[in-house]
Amino acid sequence: MREKNDLKEKLAEDHSAFLKRVFINKERRDEHKIMNDDQFNCVIESIKKYNEQAKELKNSVKD
């Protein structure tokens, strides 16, 4: 049981760090216009898929 809680906490920490990095990158993108809008939208779609996978993993660990 403790391993599952540790895994949930680690997943939440990783997810939080990932989202912070995405928002920092968005700020840099806005400053330097590194990506065009289509590329950025592709990244956002990838993030949404990652979020869904993270939710599924969290739910599977709850058992």
N, C-alpha and C. Protein backbone atom coordinates (compact mmCIF):
# COMPACT_ATOMS: atom_id res chain seq x y z
N MET A 1 0.83 -1.19 0.00
CA MET A 1 0.00 0.00 0.00
C MET A 1 0.87 1.26 0.00
N ARG A 2 1.94 1.21 0.79
CA ARG A 2 2.82 2.37 0.86
C ARG A 2 3.46 2.64 -0.50
N GLU A 3 3.82 1.59 -1.22
CA GLU A 3 4.42 1.75 -2.54
C GLU A 3 3.46 2.47 -3.48
N LYS A 4 2.18 2.14 -3.40
CA LYS A 4 1.19 2.80 -4.25
C LYS A 4 1.09 4.28 -3.91
N ASN A 5 1.09 4.61 -2.61
CA ASN A 5 1.04 6.02 -2.21
C ASN A 5 2.29 6.76 -2.66
N ASP A 6 3.45 6.11 -2.52
CA ASP A 6 4.69 6.72 -2.97
C ASP A 6 4.65 6.96 -4.48
N LEU A 7 4.11 6.00 -5.21
CA LEU A 7 4.00 6.14 -6.66
C LEU A 7 3.06 7.28 -7.02
N LYS A 8 1.93 7.38 -6.32
CA LYS A 8 0.99 8.48 -6.58
C LYS A 8 1.65 9.83 -6.32
N GLU A 9 2.37 9.93 -5.20
CA GLU A 9 3.04 11.19 -4.87
C GLU A 9 4.10 11.54 -5.91
N LYS A 10 4.87 10.55 -6.33
CA LYS A 10 5.90 10.78 -7.34
C LYS A 10 5.27 11.21 -8.66
N LEU A 11 4.19 10.58 -9.04
CA LEU A 11 3.49 10.93 -10.27
C LEU A 11 2.97 12.36 -10.19
N ALA A 12 2.40 12.74 -9.07
CA ALA A 12 1.89 14.10 -8.89
C ALA A 12 3.04 15.11 -8.96
N GLU A 13 4.17 14.79 -8.34
CA GLU A 13 5.32 15.70 -8.38
C GLU A 13 5.84 15.84 -9.81
N ASP A 14 5.98 14.73 -10.51
CA ASP A 14 6.46 14.77 -11.89
C ASP A 14 5.51 15.56 -12.77
N HIS A 15 4.23 15.34 -12.59
CA HIS A 15 3.22 16.04 -13.39
C HIS A 15 3.28 17.54 -13.12
N SER A 16 3.41 17.92 -11.86
CA SER A 16 3.50 19.33 -11.48
C SER A 16 4.74 19.97 -12.09
N ALA A 17 5.86 19.29 -12.01
CA ALA A 17 7.11 19.82 -12.58
C ALA A 17 6.99 19.96 -14.09
N PHE A 18 6.34 18.99 -14.72
CA PHE A 18 6.15 19.03 -16.16
C PHE A 18 5.31 20.24 -16.56
N LEU A 19 4.21 20.47 -15.85
CA LEU A 19 3.35 21.61 -16.18
C LEU A 19 4.07 22.93 -15.97
N LYS A 20 4.87 23.04 -14.90
CA LYS A 20 5.64 24.27 -14.69
C LYS A 20 6.59 24.52 -15.85
N ARG A 21 7.24 23.46 -16.31
CA ARG A 21 8.17 23.60 -17.43
C ARG A 21 7.43 24.03 -18.70
N VAL A 22 6.25 23.51 -18.92
CA VAL A 22 5.46 23.88 -20.10
C VAL A 22 5.12 25.37 -20.06
N PHE A 23 4.68 25.84 -18.89
CA PHE A 23 4.30 27.25 -18.80
C PHE A 23 5.52 28.16 -18.93
N ILE A 24 6.66 27.75 -18.40
CA ILE A 24 7.88 28.53 -18.57
C ILE A 24 8.24 28.59 -20.05
N ASN A 25 8.13 27.45 -20.72
CA ASN A 25 8.44 27.41 -22.15
C ASN A 25 7.47 28.28 -22.95
N LYS A 26 6.21 28.35 -22.53
CA LYS A 26 5.26 29.21 -23.22
C LYS A 26 5.67 30.67 -23.08
N GLU A 27 6.12 31.06 -21.88
CA GLU A 27 6.59 32.43 -21.69
C GLU A 27 7.77 32.72 -22.60
N ARG A 28 8.71 31.79 -22.68
CA ARG A 28 9.87 31.98 -23.56
C ARG A 28 9.43 32.05 -25.02
N ARG A 29 8.48 31.22 -25.38
CA ARG A 29 7.97 31.22 -26.75
C ARG A 29 7.40 32.59 -27.08
N ASP A 30 6.62 33.14 -26.13
CA ASP A 30 6.02 34.44 -26.35
C ASP A 30 7.09 35.53 -26.47
N GLU A 31 8.16 35.40 -25.68
CA GLU A 31 9.23 36.40 -25.72
C GLU A 31 10.02 36.33 -27.02
N HIS A 32 10.34 35.13 -27.46
CA HIS A 32 11.26 34.96 -28.58
C HIS A 32 10.59 34.47 -29.86
N LYS A 33 9.31 34.15 -29.78
CA LYS A 33 8.58 33.61 -30.94
C LYS A 33 9.31 32.41 -31.53
N ILE A 34 9.64 31.47 -30.63
CA ILE A 34 10.40 30.29 -31.03
C ILE A 34 9.57 29.37 -31.92
N MET A 35 8.31 29.18 -31.58
CA MET A 35 7.44 28.27 -32.33
C MET A 35 6.32 29.07 -32.98
N ASN A 36 5.85 28.56 -34.10
CA ASN A 36 4.65 29.17 -34.64
C ASN A 36 3.43 28.57 -33.93
N ASP A 37 2.27 29.11 -34.18
CA ASP A 37 1.07 28.68 -33.45
C ASP A 37 0.72 27.22 -33.69
N ASP A 38 0.91 26.72 -34.92
CA ASP A 38 0.61 25.32 -35.20
C ASP A 38 1.49 24.38 -34.40
N GLN A 39 2.77 24.71 -34.31
CA GLN A 39 3.68 23.88 -33.52
C GLN A 39 3.29 23.91 -32.05
N PHE A 40 2.94 25.09 -31.57
CA PHE A 40 2.57 25.21 -30.16
C PHE A 40 1.29 24.43 -29.88
N ASN A 41 0.32 24.49 -30.78
CA ASN A 41 -0.92 23.73 -30.60
C ASN A 41 -0.65 22.23 -30.57
N CYS A 42 0.33 21.78 -31.35
CA CYS A 42 0.72 20.36 -31.33
C CYS A 42 1.25 19.99 -29.95
N VAL A 43 2.05 20.87 -29.37
CA VAL A 43 2.59 20.62 -28.03
C VAL A 43 1.45 20.55 -27.01
N ILE A 44 0.49 21.45 -27.12
CA ILE A 44 -0.65 21.46 -26.20
C ILE A 44 -1.43 20.15 -26.31
N GLU A 45 -1.64 19.65 -27.52
CA GLU A 45 -2.34 18.38 -27.70
C GLU A 45 -1.57 17.24 -27.04
N SER A 46 -0.25 17.27 -27.17
CA SER A 46 0.57 16.25 -26.51
C SER A 46 0.42 16.31 -25.00
N ILE A 47 0.35 17.52 -24.47
CA ILE A 47 0.18 17.70 -23.02
C ILE A 47 -1.16 17.13 -22.58
N LYS A 48 -2.20 17.38 -23.37
CA LYS A 48 -3.52 16.85 -23.02
C LYS A 48 -3.50 15.33 -22.99
N LYS A 49 -2.83 14.71 -23.97
CA LYS A 49 -2.71 13.26 -23.99
C LYS A 49 -1.94 12.77 -22.77
N TYR A 50 -0.88 13.48 -22.42
CA TYR A 50 -0.10 13.12 -21.23
C TYR A 50 -0.97 13.20 -19.98
N ASN A 51 -1.77 14.25 -19.87
CA ASN A 51 -2.66 14.40 -18.72
C ASN A 51 -3.63 13.23 -18.62
N GLU A 52 -4.19 12.81 -19.74
CA GLU A 52 -5.11 11.67 -19.74
C GLU A 52 -4.39 10.40 -19.29
N GLN A 53 -3.18 10.20 -19.79
CA GLN A 53 -2.41 9.02 -19.40
C GLN A 53 -2.09 9.06 -17.90
N ALA A 54 -1.77 10.25 -17.40
CA ALA A 54 -1.45 10.39 -15.97
C ALA A 54 -2.68 10.07 -15.13
N LYS A 55 -3.85 10.54 -15.56
CA LYS A 55 -5.09 10.25 -14.83
C LYS A 55 -5.37 8.75 -14.82
N GLU A 56 -5.20 8.11 -15.98
CA GLU A 56 -5.43 6.66 -16.06
C GLU A 56 -4.47 5.91 -15.14
N LEU A 57 -3.22 6.35 -15.11
CA LEU A 57 -2.24 5.69 -14.24
C LEU A 57 -2.60 5.89 -12.77
N LYS A 58 -3.00 7.10 -12.41
CA LYS A 58 -3.41 7.36 -11.02
C LYS A 58 -4.58 6.47 -10.64
N ASN A 59 -5.56 6.35 -11.54
CA ASN A 59 -6.74 5.52 -11.26
C ASN A 59 -6.36 4.05 -11.14
N SER A 60 -5.43 3.60 -11.95
CA SER A 60 -5.04 2.19 -11.88
C SER A 60 -4.26 1.89 -10.60
N VAL A 61 -3.61 2.89 -10.04
CA VAL A 61 -2.83 2.71 -8.82
C VAL A 61 -3.73 2.73 -7.59
N LYS A 62 -4.91 3.33 -7.69
CA LYS A 62 -5.82 3.44 -6.55
C LYS A 62 -6.24 2.08 -6.00
N ASP A 63 -6.28 1.07 -6.85
CA ASP A 63 -6.73 -0.26 -6.42
C ASP A 63 -5.91 -0.78 -5.34
